[in-house]
């Protein structure tokens, strides 16, 4: 098991959420998904500690919840 740098992971996640919150079009949402994917690639690892996996899972759930709410405000979007 490896420990992630929680501070970096959370700060990077906050940046992704800022991008999501500022999105106003389908193109913005596409970019938000790319940013989220980059965050995942950087911070998600199969060998994370149990606590770190739980943190990542909660952050991912928060992102998808906010993403789906934003999509409903912007309009139709195919995920």
Protein backbone atom coordinates (compact mmCIF):
# COMPACT_ATOMS: atom_id res chain seq x y z
CA UNK A 1 0.00 0.00 0.00
CA UNK A 2 1.13 3.51 -0.74
CA UNK A 3 -0.07 6.75 0.78
CA UNK A 4 -1.07 9.58 -1.50
CA UNK A 5 -0.29 13.20 -0.83
CA UNK A 6 -3.74 14.12 0.47
CA UNK A 7 -3.11 17.86 0.47
CA UNK A 8 -2.12 17.84 -3.20
CA UNK A 9 -4.98 15.54 -4.17
CA UNK A 10 -7.55 17.71 -2.40
CA UNK A 11 -6.11 20.99 -3.71
CA UNK A 12 -6.08 19.60 -7.26
CA UNK A 13 -9.65 18.41 -6.77
CA UNK A 14 -10.73 21.89 -5.63
CA UNK A 15 -9.28 23.26 -8.86
CA UNK A 16 -11.31 20.74 -10.90
CA UNK A 17 -14.44 21.81 -9.00
CA UNK A 18 -13.69 25.47 -9.77
CA UNK A 19 -13.49 24.57 -13.46
CA UNK A 20 -16.79 22.69 -13.16
CA UNK A 21 -18.50 25.55 -11.31
CA UNK A 22 -17.43 28.04 -13.97
CA UNK A 23 -18.60 25.88 -16.89
CA UNK A 24 -21.37 27.37 -18.99
CA UNK A 25 -21.54 25.26 -22.16
CA UNK A 26 -21.10 21.74 -23.51
CA UNK A 27 -17.56 22.63 -24.56
CA UNK A 28 -16.78 23.77 -21.03
CA UNK A 29 -18.20 20.54 -19.65
CA UNK A 30 -16.03 18.53 -22.06
CA UNK A 31 -13.00 20.38 -20.72
CA UNK A 32 -14.15 19.75 -17.16
CA UNK A 33 -14.27 16.02 -17.87
CA UNK A 34 -10.74 16.17 -19.25
CA UNK A 35 -9.55 17.97 -16.11
CA UNK A 36 -11.26 15.37 -13.92
CA UNK A 37 -9.66 12.55 -15.91
CA UNK A 38 -6.24 14.14 -15.45
CA UNK A 39 -6.90 14.41 -11.71
CA UNK A 40 -7.88 10.74 -11.59
CA UNK A 41 -4.81 9.68 -13.53
CA UNK A 42 -2.59 11.63 -11.17
CA UNK A 43 -4.11 10.58 -7.84
CA UNK A 44 -5.96 7.27 -8.24
CA UNK A 45 -3.85 4.16 -7.76
CA UNK A 46 -4.91 0.58 -7.03
CA UNK A 47 -2.34 0.29 -4.25
CA UNK A 48 -3.60 3.25 -2.18
CA UNK A 49 -4.28 2.77 1.50
CA UNK A 50 -7.85 2.01 2.54
CA UNK A 51 -8.27 5.51 3.98
CA UNK A 52 -6.96 7.13 0.80
CA UNK A 53 -9.25 5.00 -1.36
CA UNK A 54 -12.20 6.17 0.74
CA UNK A 55 -11.17 9.82 0.30
CA UNK A 56 -10.82 9.36 -3.47
CA UNK A 57 -14.20 7.63 -3.66
CA UNK A 58 -15.88 10.47 -1.77
CA UNK A 59 -14.24 13.11 -3.97
CA UNK A 60 -15.24 11.26 -7.14
CA UNK A 61 -18.83 10.98 -5.90
CA UNK A 62 -18.88 14.69 -5.13
CA UNK A 63 -17.61 15.48 -8.63
CA UNK A 64 -20.20 13.30 -10.39
CA UNK A 65 -23.02 14.69 -8.30
CA UNK A 66 -22.03 18.28 -9.09
CA UNK A 67 -21.38 17.38 -12.73
CA UNK A 68 -24.85 15.87 -13.19
CA UNK A 69 -26.46 18.89 -11.53
CA UNK A 70 -24.52 21.24 -13.77
CA UNK A 71 -25.51 19.24 -16.86
CA UNK A 72 -29.17 19.59 -15.93
CA UNK A 73 -28.70 23.37 -15.69
CA UNK A 74 -26.86 23.65 -19.01
CA UNK A 75 -29.04 21.26 -20.98
CA UNK A 76 -28.71 17.96 -22.79
CA UNK A 77 -25.32 16.34 -22.61
CA UNK A 78 -24.26 12.80 -23.47
CA UNK A 79 -21.95 11.35 -20.85
